Amino acid sequence: MSVETDTVDLVGDDMVENVARAAVFAALTGAFAYVSFPHPLTTVPITLQVLGVFLAGIFLGPVWGFASMGVYVAAGAVGAPIFAFGAAGVGVLLGKLGGFLWSYPIAAAVVGVIVHGTDGPIDPADVSLARLVGGMALATVVIYAFGTVGFAIAGDVGPGEAFVLSSAPFVPVELVKMAAAVGIVRSEAVAAT
């Protein structure tokens, strides 16, 4: 009795490609976490993680952007040292920075929905500047909302104070990350021509 496996396609090529791309963006976000330094106005560090969230949503779309950041958060939770300053573990997710991390899958999905719409993936180079920036701005609101709530709970402070201490100082930093993401998308478009 012989069994042929040449024609069996257990997982489609598109699925394999999407899983690989999601893993790459999760790893990229983890690498961006190592670009961490203290912010002079708060205990929350400045990192490039949010740039990874933006790029995952822009290049992967809502579903795979969400999956990519879910993998990132799960990997850090089980001990991969991929959070800010190489931190890891469930304790980080339950601490003052946890709300920011929990928001990443949702924020990537938000960027993906705004950039790609609901009709399926499109080339990010074809997306207007307003949609790119709008998606990242809305994702930033999601990140700040989760981050502020997490900081308030873990830091035992009120929501107003938590926002001032954890999110407000980062508005200029996020604008730079948005500009970097737009530059990456536009440079990708130029390279493709």
N, C-alpha and C. Protein backbone atom coordinates (compact mmCIF):
# COMPACT_ATOMS: atom_id res chain seq x y z
N MET A 1 0.84 -1.17 0.00
CA MET A 1 0.00 0.00 0.00
C MET A 1 0.89 1.24 0.00
N SER A 2 0.65 2.13 -0.96
CA SER A 2 1.45 3.34 -1.01
C SER A 2 0.55 4.55 -0.79
N VAL A 3 1.13 5.53 -0.17
CA VAL A 3 0.40 6.77 0.09
C VAL A 3 1.17 7.90 -0.57
N GLU A 4 0.49 8.59 -1.48
CA GLU A 4 1.13 9.72 -2.15
C GLU A 4 0.87 10.99 -1.36
N THR A 5 1.92 11.75 -1.16
CA THR A 5 1.77 13.03 -0.45
C THR A 5 2.14 14.21 -1.33
N ASP A 6 2.46 13.93 -2.60
CA ASP A 6 2.88 15.02 -3.48
C ASP A 6 1.77 16.04 -3.73
N THR A 7 0.55 15.60 -3.73
CA THR A 7 -0.55 16.50 -4.08
C THR A 7 -1.32 17.00 -2.86
N VAL A 8 -0.89 16.63 -1.69
CA VAL A 8 -1.59 17.06 -0.49
C VAL A 8 -1.07 18.44 -0.09
N ASP A 9 -1.98 19.38 0.02
CA ASP A 9 -1.62 20.74 0.42
C ASP A 9 -2.24 21.00 1.78
N LEU A 10 -1.48 20.68 2.84
CA LEU A 10 -2.02 20.80 4.19
C LEU A 10 -2.30 22.24 4.57
N VAL A 11 -1.42 23.12 4.16
CA VAL A 11 -1.58 24.55 4.44
C VAL A 11 -1.26 25.29 3.15
N GLY A 12 -2.13 26.20 2.78
CA GLY A 12 -1.93 26.94 1.54
C GLY A 12 -0.74 27.87 1.60
N ASP A 13 -0.22 28.19 0.42
CA ASP A 13 0.94 29.09 0.35
C ASP A 13 0.64 30.46 0.94
N ASP A 14 -0.58 30.96 0.74
CA ASP A 14 -0.95 32.26 1.30
C ASP A 14 -0.90 32.25 2.82
N MET A 15 -1.37 31.16 3.41
CA MET A 15 -1.35 31.04 4.87
C MET A 15 0.09 31.02 5.38
N VAL A 16 0.93 30.25 4.74
CA VAL A 16 2.34 30.17 5.15
C VAL A 16 3.00 31.54 5.05
N GLU A 17 2.74 32.24 3.95
CA GLU A 17 3.32 33.56 3.76
C GLU A 17 2.83 34.54 4.83
N ASN A 18 1.54 34.51 5.12
CA ASN A 18 0.99 35.42 6.13
C ASN A 18 1.52 35.12 7.53
N VAL A 19 1.64 33.85 7.87
CA VAL A 19 2.20 33.49 9.18
C VAL A 19 3.65 33.96 9.27
N ALA A 20 4.40 33.76 8.20
CA ALA A 20 5.81 34.19 8.20
C ALA A 20 5.91 35.71 8.33
N ARG A 21 5.09 36.43 7.60
CA ARG A 21 5.12 37.89 7.67
C ARG A 21 4.71 38.38 9.06
N ALA A 22 3.71 37.73 9.66
CA ALA A 22 3.29 38.11 11.02
C ALA A 22 4.43 37.88 12.00
N ALA A 23 5.14 36.77 11.85
CA ALA A 23 6.27 36.48 12.74
C ALA A 23 7.39 37.52 12.56
N VAL A 24 7.62 37.93 11.32
CA VAL A 24 8.66 38.93 11.06
C VAL A 24 8.31 40.26 11.74
N PHE A 25 7.05 40.68 11.64
CA PHE A 25 6.67 41.95 12.27
C PHE A 25 6.65 41.85 13.79
N ALA A 26 6.32 40.67 14.33
CA ALA A 26 6.41 40.47 15.78
C ALA A 26 7.87 40.59 16.22
N ALA A 27 8.77 39.96 15.46
CA ALA A 27 10.20 40.03 15.78
C ALA A 27 10.73 41.46 15.62
N LEU A 28 10.27 42.16 14.59
CA LEU A 28 10.69 43.54 14.39
C LEU A 28 10.27 44.42 15.56
N THR A 29 9.05 44.23 16.04
CA THR A 29 8.58 44.99 17.19
C THR A 29 9.42 44.66 18.42
N GLY A 30 9.78 43.40 18.58
CA GLY A 30 10.65 43.00 19.67
C GLY A 30 12.02 43.66 19.57
N ALA A 31 12.54 43.75 18.35
CA ALA A 31 13.83 44.43 18.15
C ALA A 31 13.70 45.92 18.45
N PHE A 32 12.57 46.50 18.03
CA PHE A 32 12.33 47.92 18.30
C PHE A 32 12.25 48.20 19.81
N ALA A 33 11.85 47.22 20.60
CA ALA A 33 11.77 47.41 22.05
C ALA A 33 13.14 47.64 22.66
N TYR A 34 14.18 47.15 21.99
CA TYR A 34 15.53 47.34 22.51
C TYR A 34 16.04 48.76 22.29
N VAL A 35 15.34 49.52 21.45
CA VAL A 35 15.65 50.94 21.32
C VAL A 35 14.81 51.63 22.39
N SER A 36 15.29 51.55 23.61
CA SER A 36 14.57 52.05 24.79
C SER A 36 15.46 52.99 25.57
N PHE A 37 14.88 54.09 25.97
CA PHE A 37 15.61 54.98 26.88
C PHE A 37 14.60 55.74 27.72
N PRO A 38 15.02 56.18 28.89
CA PRO A 38 14.10 56.86 29.80
C PRO A 38 13.58 58.17 29.23
N HIS A 39 12.34 58.44 29.51
CA HIS A 39 11.74 59.73 29.16
C HIS A 39 11.95 60.65 30.37
N PRO A 40 12.40 61.87 30.16
CA PRO A 40 12.70 62.73 31.31
C PRO A 40 11.47 63.15 32.12
N LEU A 41 10.27 63.00 31.57
CA LEU A 41 9.06 63.46 32.26
C LEU A 41 8.21 62.35 32.87
N THR A 42 8.58 61.09 32.66
CA THR A 42 7.75 59.99 33.14
C THR A 42 8.59 58.74 33.36
N THR A 43 8.00 57.76 34.02
CA THR A 43 8.67 56.47 34.22
C THR A 43 8.46 55.53 33.05
N VAL A 44 7.59 55.90 32.11
CA VAL A 44 7.36 55.09 30.91
C VAL A 44 8.49 55.38 29.92
N PRO A 45 9.19 54.35 29.45
CA PRO A 45 10.33 54.60 28.55
C PRO A 45 9.89 54.94 27.13
N ILE A 46 10.75 55.62 26.43
CA ILE A 46 10.56 55.85 24.99
C ILE A 46 11.12 54.63 24.28
N THR A 47 10.32 54.04 23.39
CA THR A 47 10.77 52.91 22.58
C THR A 47 10.25 53.09 21.15
N LEU A 48 10.68 52.21 20.27
CA LEU A 48 10.17 52.21 18.91
C LEU A 48 9.09 51.16 18.70
N GLN A 49 8.60 50.54 19.78
CA GLN A 49 7.60 49.48 19.65
C GLN A 49 6.37 49.94 18.87
N VAL A 50 5.89 51.13 19.13
CA VAL A 50 4.68 51.60 18.47
C VAL A 50 4.90 51.73 16.97
N LEU A 51 6.10 52.03 16.53
CA LEU A 51 6.41 52.03 15.10
C LEU A 51 6.18 50.63 14.53
N GLY A 52 6.57 49.61 15.27
CA GLY A 52 6.32 48.23 14.83
C GLY A 52 4.83 47.94 14.74
N VAL A 53 4.06 48.45 15.68
CA VAL A 53 2.60 48.28 15.65
C VAL A 53 2.03 48.95 14.41
N PHE A 54 2.44 50.18 14.15
CA PHE A 54 1.97 50.89 12.96
C PHE A 54 2.28 50.11 11.69
N LEU A 55 3.53 49.67 11.57
CA LEU A 55 3.95 48.98 10.35
C LEU A 55 3.24 47.64 10.18
N ALA A 56 2.99 46.94 11.28
CA ALA A 56 2.26 45.68 11.19
C ALA A 56 0.86 45.91 10.63
N GLY A 57 0.17 46.92 11.13
CA GLY A 57 -1.16 47.22 10.61
C GLY A 57 -1.13 47.67 9.16
N ILE A 58 -0.16 48.50 8.82
CA ILE A 58 -0.07 49.03 7.46
C ILE A 58 0.25 47.92 6.45
N PHE A 59 1.23 47.09 6.76
CA PHE A 59 1.69 46.11 5.78
C PHE A 59 0.96 44.76 5.85
N LEU A 60 0.38 44.43 7.00
CA LEU A 60 -0.27 43.13 7.14
C LEU A 60 -1.79 43.21 7.10
N GLY A 61 -2.36 44.37 7.33
CA GLY A 61 -3.81 44.49 7.38
C GLY A 61 -4.33 44.18 8.77
N PRO A 62 -5.65 44.26 8.94
CA PRO A 62 -6.21 44.14 10.29
C PRO A 62 -6.06 42.76 10.92
N VAL A 63 -6.32 41.72 10.17
CA VAL A 63 -6.29 40.37 10.75
C VAL A 63 -4.87 39.93 11.08
N TRP A 64 -3.98 40.04 10.11
CA TRP A 64 -2.61 39.57 10.35
C TRP A 64 -1.81 40.56 11.18
N GLY A 65 -2.16 41.85 11.13
CA GLY A 65 -1.54 42.82 12.04
C GLY A 65 -1.89 42.49 13.48
N PHE A 66 -3.18 42.18 13.72
CA PHE A 66 -3.62 41.76 15.05
C PHE A 66 -2.87 40.49 15.47
N ALA A 67 -2.80 39.52 14.58
CA ALA A 67 -2.13 38.25 14.90
C ALA A 67 -0.65 38.46 15.21
N SER A 68 -0.01 39.31 14.44
CA SER A 68 1.41 39.58 14.64
C SER A 68 1.68 40.17 16.02
N MET A 69 0.88 41.16 16.39
CA MET A 69 1.09 41.78 17.70
C MET A 69 0.63 40.86 18.82
N GLY A 70 -0.34 39.99 18.55
CA GLY A 70 -0.72 38.97 19.53
C GLY A 70 0.43 38.02 19.80
N VAL A 71 1.13 37.62 18.74
CA VAL A 71 2.31 36.77 18.89
C VAL A 71 3.38 37.49 19.69
N TYR A 72 3.57 38.78 19.39
CA TYR A 72 4.57 39.58 20.11
C TYR A 72 4.27 39.60 21.61
N VAL A 73 3.03 39.91 21.98
CA VAL A 73 2.66 39.99 23.39
C VAL A 73 2.76 38.61 24.05
N ALA A 74 2.31 37.57 23.36
CA ALA A 74 2.37 36.22 23.93
C ALA A 74 3.81 35.77 24.12
N ALA A 75 4.68 36.06 23.16
CA ALA A 75 6.09 35.67 23.28
C ALA A 75 6.74 36.36 24.47
N GLY A 76 6.45 37.63 24.65
CA GLY A 76 6.98 38.35 25.81
C GLY A 76 6.43 37.83 27.11
N ALA A 77 5.15 37.44 27.10
CA ALA A 77 4.52 36.93 28.32
C ALA A 77 5.14 35.62 28.78
N VAL A 78 5.54 34.78 27.83
CA VAL A 78 6.12 33.49 28.20
C VAL A 78 7.63 33.54 28.43
N GLY A 79 8.21 34.72 28.33
CA GLY A 79 9.60 34.86 28.74
C GLY A 79 10.59 35.35 27.70
N ALA A 80 10.17 35.54 26.46
CA ALA A 80 11.10 36.10 25.48
C ALA A 80 11.39 37.55 25.88
N PRO A 81 12.65 37.93 25.98
CA PRO A 81 12.99 39.28 26.46
C PRO A 81 12.81 40.34 25.37
N ILE A 82 11.55 40.61 25.03
CA ILE A 82 11.26 41.48 23.88
C ILE A 82 10.42 42.71 24.25
N PHE A 83 10.26 42.96 25.53
CA PHE A 83 9.61 44.20 25.94
C PHE A 83 10.69 45.25 26.18
N ALA A 84 10.31 46.47 26.52
CA ALA A 84 11.27 47.56 26.71
C ALA A 84 12.39 47.15 27.65
N PHE A 85 13.60 47.52 27.28
CA PHE A 85 14.82 47.21 28.04
C PHE A 85 15.06 45.71 28.18
N GLY A 86 14.48 44.89 27.30
CA GLY A 86 14.67 43.45 27.35
C GLY A 86 13.88 42.75 28.44
N ALA A 87 12.85 43.41 28.95
CA ALA A 87 12.01 42.81 29.99
C ALA A 87 11.12 41.73 29.37
N ALA A 88 10.59 40.87 30.23
CA ALA A 88 9.71 39.79 29.78
C ALA A 88 8.84 39.34 30.94
N GLY A 89 7.83 38.55 30.61
CA GLY A 89 7.01 37.90 31.62
C GLY A 89 5.66 38.55 31.84
N VAL A 90 4.81 37.78 32.48
CA VAL A 90 3.45 38.23 32.78
C VAL A 90 3.47 39.44 33.70
N GLY A 91 4.46 39.53 34.57
CA GLY A 91 4.56 40.67 35.48
C GLY A 91 4.60 41.99 34.75
N VAL A 92 5.26 42.04 33.59
CA VAL A 92 5.30 43.28 32.81
C VAL A 92 3.90 43.61 32.30
N LEU A 93 3.17 42.58 31.87
CA LEU A 93 1.82 42.80 31.35
C LEU A 93 0.84 43.24 32.44
N LEU A 94 1.16 42.95 33.69
CA LEU A 94 0.31 43.35 34.80
C LEU A 94 0.81 44.61 35.49
N GLY A 95 1.94 45.13 35.04
CA GLY A 95 2.53 46.32 35.65
C GLY A 95 2.09 47.61 34.97
N LYS A 96 2.79 48.68 35.27
CA LYS A 96 2.42 50.01 34.77
C LYS A 96 2.46 50.12 33.25
N LEU A 97 3.29 49.30 32.60
CA LEU A 97 3.40 49.36 31.14
C LEU A 97 2.48 48.36 30.44
N GLY A 98 1.83 47.51 31.20
CA GLY A 98 1.02 46.44 30.63
C GLY A 98 -0.09 46.90 29.71
N GLY A 99 -0.77 47.96 30.08
CA GLY A 99 -1.87 48.44 29.25
C GLY A 99 -1.42 48.80 27.85
N PHE A 100 -0.23 49.39 27.73
CA PHE A 100 0.30 49.71 26.41
C PHE A 100 0.48 48.43 25.60
N LEU A 101 1.10 47.43 26.21
CA LEU A 101 1.36 46.17 25.50
C LEU A 101 0.08 45.46 25.10
N TRP A 102 -0.90 45.41 25.99
CA TRP A 102 -2.17 44.77 25.69
C TRP A 102 -2.86 45.43 24.50
N SER A 103 -2.61 46.72 24.30
CA SER A 103 -3.28 47.45 23.23
C SER A 103 -2.72 47.16 21.84
N TYR A 104 -1.52 46.65 21.77
CA TYR A 104 -0.85 46.53 20.47
C TYR A 104 -1.62 45.71 19.44
N PRO A 105 -2.17 44.55 19.77
CA PRO A 105 -2.93 43.83 18.73
C PRO A 105 -4.14 44.63 18.22
N ILE A 106 -4.85 45.27 19.13
CA ILE A 106 -6.03 46.04 18.72
C ILE A 106 -5.60 47.26 17.90
N ALA A 107 -4.55 47.92 18.32
CA ALA A 107 -4.06 49.09 17.59
C ALA A 107 -3.60 48.72 16.18
N ALA A 108 -2.92 47.60 16.04
CA ALA A 108 -2.50 47.16 14.70
C ALA A 108 -3.71 46.86 13.83
N ALA A 109 -4.74 46.25 14.42
CA ALA A 109 -5.97 45.97 13.67
C ALA A 109 -6.65 47.27 13.25
N VAL A 110 -6.65 48.26 14.12
CA VAL A 110 -7.26 49.56 13.79
C VAL A 110 -6.53 50.19 12.61
N VAL A 111 -5.21 50.22 12.65
CA VAL A 111 -4.44 50.76 11.53
C VAL A 111 -4.79 49.99 10.26
N GLY A 112 -4.82 48.68 10.37
CA GLY A 112 -5.12 47.84 9.21
C GLY A 112 -6.48 48.12 8.61
N VAL A 113 -7.49 48.29 9.45
CA VAL A 113 -8.84 48.57 8.95
C VAL A 113 -8.88 49.92 8.24
N ILE A 114 -8.26 50.92 8.82
CA ILE A 114 -8.28 52.26 8.21
C ILE A 114 -7.50 52.26 6.89
N VAL A 115 -6.34 51.62 6.88
CA VAL A 115 -5.50 51.63 5.68
C VAL A 115 -6.07 50.74 4.58
N HIS A 116 -6.52 49.54 4.94
CA HIS A 116 -6.94 48.56 3.93
C HIS A 116 -8.45 48.52 3.71
N GLY A 117 -9.22 49.09 4.62
CA GLY A 117 -10.67 49.00 4.51
C GLY A 117 -11.13 47.58 4.81
N THR A 118 -12.30 47.25 4.34
CA THR A 118 -12.85 45.92 4.63
C THR A 118 -12.89 45.03 3.39
N ASP A 119 -12.40 45.51 2.27
CA ASP A 119 -12.45 44.73 1.03
C ASP A 119 -11.24 43.82 0.84
N GLY A 120 -10.31 43.82 1.74
CA GLY A 120 -9.13 42.98 1.61
C GLY A 120 -7.88 43.82 1.46
N PRO A 121 -6.73 43.17 1.51
CA PRO A 121 -5.45 43.89 1.48
C PRO A 121 -5.25 44.67 0.18
N ILE A 122 -4.68 45.84 0.32
CA ILE A 122 -4.28 46.65 -0.82
C ILE A 122 -2.83 47.07 -0.62
N ASP A 123 -2.23 47.56 -1.66
CA ASP A 123 -0.84 48.03 -1.56
C ASP A 123 -0.81 49.31 -0.74
N PRO A 124 -0.10 49.32 0.39
CA PRO A 124 -0.06 50.53 1.22
C PRO A 124 0.45 51.77 0.47
N ALA A 125 1.25 51.56 -0.56
CA ALA A 125 1.76 52.69 -1.34
C ALA A 125 0.65 53.43 -2.07
N ASP A 126 -0.49 52.75 -2.28
CA ASP A 126 -1.61 53.36 -2.97
C ASP A 126 -2.57 54.09 -2.03
N VAL A 127 -2.29 54.04 -0.74
CA VAL A 127 -3.17 54.64 0.26
C VAL A 127 -2.82 56.11 0.43
N SER A 128 -3.84 56.92 0.59
CA SER A 128 -3.61 58.36 0.76
C SER A 128 -2.90 58.64 2.09
N LEU A 129 -2.23 59.76 2.12
CA LEU A 129 -1.55 60.20 3.34
C LEU A 129 -2.56 60.36 4.47
N ALA A 130 -3.74 60.87 4.15
CA ALA A 130 -4.77 61.08 5.18
C ALA A 130 -5.18 59.76 5.82
N ARG A 131 -5.33 58.70 5.03
CA ARG A 131 -5.71 57.40 5.60
C ARG A 131 -4.57 56.82 6.42
N LEU A 132 -3.35 56.94 5.94
CA LEU A 132 -2.21 56.43 6.71
C LEU A 132 -2.13 57.13 8.07
N VAL A 133 -2.13 58.44 8.05
CA VAL A 133 -2.00 59.21 9.30
C VAL A 133 -3.24 59.01 10.17
N GLY A 134 -4.41 58.99 9.56
CA GLY A 134 -5.64 58.78 10.32
C GLY A 134 -5.65 57.44 11.04
N GLY A 135 -5.20 56.39 10.34
CA GLY A 135 -5.13 55.07 10.97
C GLY A 135 -4.17 55.05 12.14
N MET A 136 -3.01 55.66 11.95
CA MET A 136 -2.03 55.67 13.04
C MET A 136 -2.49 56.56 14.19
N ALA A 137 -3.18 57.66 13.89
CA ALA A 137 -3.69 58.53 14.95
C ALA A 137 -4.74 57.80 15.78
N LEU A 138 -5.64 57.10 15.12
CA LEU A 138 -6.67 56.35 15.85
C LEU A 138 -6.04 55.22 16.66
N ALA A 139 -5.04 54.57 16.09
CA ALA A 139 -4.33 53.52 16.84
C ALA A 139 -3.64 54.10 18.07
N THR A 140 -3.10 55.31 17.94
CA THR A 140 -2.46 55.97 19.08
C THR A 140 -3.47 56.24 20.17
N VAL A 141 -4.68 56.63 19.81
CA VAL A 141 -5.73 56.84 20.81
C VAL A 141 -6.00 55.53 21.55
N VAL A 142 -6.06 54.42 20.81
CA VAL A 142 -6.28 53.11 21.44
C VAL A 142 -5.13 52.77 22.39
N ILE A 143 -3.91 52.98 21.94
CA ILE A 143 -2.73 52.68 22.77
C ILE A 143 -2.74 53.53 24.03
N TYR A 144 -3.00 54.82 23.89
CA TYR A 144 -3.03 55.71 25.05
C TYR A 144 -4.16 55.36 26.01
N ALA A 145 -5.31 54.98 25.47
CA ALA A 145 -6.44 54.63 26.34
C ALA A 145 -6.09 53.39 27.17
N PHE A 146 -5.63 52.34 26.52
CA PHE A 146 -5.24 51.12 27.25
C PHE A 146 -4.09 51.42 28.21
N GLY A 147 -3.09 52.17 27.72
CA GLY A 147 -1.93 52.47 28.54
C GLY A 147 -2.26 53.29 29.77
N THR A 148 -3.14 54.27 29.59
CA THR A 148 -3.55 55.11 30.71
C THR A 148 -4.30 54.30 31.75
N VAL A 149 -5.23 53.45 31.30
CA VAL A 149 -5.99 52.62 32.24
C VAL A 149 -5.05 51.67 32.98
N GLY A 150 -4.16 51.01 32.24
CA GLY A 150 -3.22 50.09 32.88
C GLY A 150 -2.31 50.80 33.88
N PHE A 151 -1.83 51.98 33.51
CA PHE A 151 -0.97 52.75 34.40
C PHE A 151 -1.74 53.17 35.65
N ALA A 152 -2.99 53.58 35.46
CA ALA A 152 -3.81 54.02 36.61
C ALA A 152 -4.05 52.87 37.58
N ILE A 153 -4.36 51.71 37.05
CA ILE A 153 -4.62 50.55 37.91
C ILE A 153 -3.36 50.09 38.62
N ALA A 154 -2.28 49.90 37.86
CA ALA A 154 -1.03 49.39 38.46
C ALA A 154 -0.36 50.43 39.34
N GLY A 155 -0.52 51.72 38.98
CA GLY A 155 0.13 52.78 39.74
C GLY A 155 -0.73 53.35 40.84
N ASP A 156 -1.97 52.87 40.93
CA ASP A 156 -2.91 53.33 41.96
C ASP A 156 -3.05 54.86 41.94
N VAL A 157 -3.27 55.39 40.73
CA VAL A 157 -3.50 56.83 40.56
C VAL A 157 -4.78 57.02 39.76
N GLY A 158 -5.29 58.23 39.77
CA GLY A 158 -6.50 58.53 39.01
C GLY A 158 -6.23 58.56 37.52
N PRO A 159 -7.28 58.46 36.70
CA PRO A 159 -7.09 58.43 35.26
C PRO A 159 -6.46 59.70 34.68
N GLY A 160 -6.82 60.85 35.21
CA GLY A 160 -6.23 62.10 34.73
C GLY A 160 -4.74 62.15 34.99
N GLU A 161 -4.37 61.83 36.22
CA GLU A 161 -2.95 61.82 36.58
C GLU A 161 -2.21 60.75 35.77
N ALA A 162 -2.86 59.60 35.58
CA ALA A 162 -2.23 58.52 34.80
C ALA A 162 -1.98 58.97 33.37
N PHE A 163 -2.93 59.69 32.77
CA PHE A 163 -2.74 60.16 31.40
C PHE A 163 -1.57 61.14 31.33
N VAL A 164 -1.52 62.06 32.29
CA VAL A 164 -0.43 63.06 32.29
C VAL A 164 0.92 62.38 32.50
N LEU A 165 0.96 61.35 33.33
CA LEU A 165 2.23 60.68 33.63
C LEU A 165 2.64 59.66 32.58
N SER A 166 1.67 59.04 31.91
CA SER A 166 2.03 57.91 31.05
C SER A 166 1.87 58.15 29.55
N SER A 167 0.98 59.00 29.14
CA SER A 167 0.70 59.12 27.71
C SER A 167 0.99 60.51 27.14
N ALA A 168 0.56 61.55 27.81
CA ALA A 168 0.70 62.91 27.28
C ALA A 168 2.13 63.26 26.86
N PRO A 169 3.16 62.86 27.61
CA PRO A 169 4.51 63.24 27.20
C PRO A 169 4.96 62.61 25.88
N PHE A 170 4.20 61.64 25.38
CA PHE A 170 4.63 60.90 24.20
C PHE A 170 4.03 61.41 22.89
N VAL A 171 3.16 62.40 22.95
CA VAL A 171 2.53 62.89 21.72
C VAL A 171 3.58 63.30 20.69
N PRO A 172 4.59 64.12 21.03
CA PRO A 172 5.59 64.46 20.01
C PRO A 172 6.36 63.24 19.49
N VAL A 173 6.60 62.28 20.37
CA VAL A 173 7.33 61.07 19.98
C VAL A 173 6.51 60.27 18.97
N GLU A 174 5.20 60.17 19.20
CA GLU A 174 4.34 59.42 18.28
C GLU A 174 4.28 60.10 16.92
N LEU A 175 4.31 61.41 16.90
CA LEU A 175 4.31 62.12 15.61
C LEU A 175 5.56 61.77 14.80
N VAL A 176 6.69 61.62 15.47
CA VAL A 176 7.92 61.22 14.78
C VAL A 176 7.78 59.79 14.25
N LYS A 177 7.19 58.90 15.04
CA LYS A 177 6.99 57.52 14.59
C LYS A 177 6.03 57.47 13.41
N MET A 178 5.00 58.29 13.43
CA MET A 178 4.07 58.34 12.29
C MET A 178 4.80 58.80 11.04
N ALA A 179 5.62 59.83 11.18
CA ALA A 179 6.39 60.33 10.03
C ALA A 179 7.33 59.24 9.51
N ALA A 180 7.94 58.49 10.42
CA ALA A 180 8.83 57.40 10.01
C ALA A 180 8.06 56.32 9.25
N ALA A 181 6.88 55.98 9.74
CA ALA A 181 6.06 54.96 9.07
C ALA A 181 5.65 55.43 7.68
N VAL A 182 5.24 56.68 7.55
CA VAL A 182 4.88 57.22 6.23
C VAL A 182 6.10 57.19 5.32
N GLY A 183 7.26 57.57 5.85
CA GLY A 183 8.49 57.53 5.06
C GLY A 183 8.82 56.13 4.57
N ILE A 184 8.61 55.14 5.43
CA ILE A 184 8.88 53.75 5.05
C ILE A 184 7.92 53.31 3.94
N VAL A 185 6.64 53.63 4.10
CA VAL A 185 5.65 53.26 3.08
C VAL A 185 5.95 53.93 1.76
N ARG A 186 6.25 55.22 1.81
CA ARG A 186 6.53 55.96 0.58
C ARG A 186 7.85 55.52 -0.05
N SER A 187 8.85 55.18 0.74
CA SER A 187 10.12 54.71 0.17
C SER A 187 9.93 53.34 -0.47
N GLU A 188 9.04 52.55 0.10
CA GLU A 188 8.70 51.24 -0.49
C GLU A 188 8.07 51.45 -1.85
N ALA A 189 7.24 52.49 -1.98
CA ALA A 189 6.59 52.77 -3.26
C ALA A 189 7.60 53.22 -4.29
N VAL A 190 8.56 54.03 -3.87
CA VAL A 190 9.60 54.51 -4.79
C VAL A 190 10.49 53.35 -5.22
N ALA A 191 10.83 52.47 -4.29
CA ALA A 191 11.69 51.33 -4.60
C ALA A 191 11.00 50.37 -5.57
N ALA A 192 9.67 50.31 -5.52
CA ALA A 192 8.93 49.39 -6.38
C ALA A 192 8.85 49.89 -7.82
N THR A 193 9.07 51.21 -8.02
CA THR A 193 8.96 51.74 -9.39
C THR A 193 10.26 51.71 -10.12
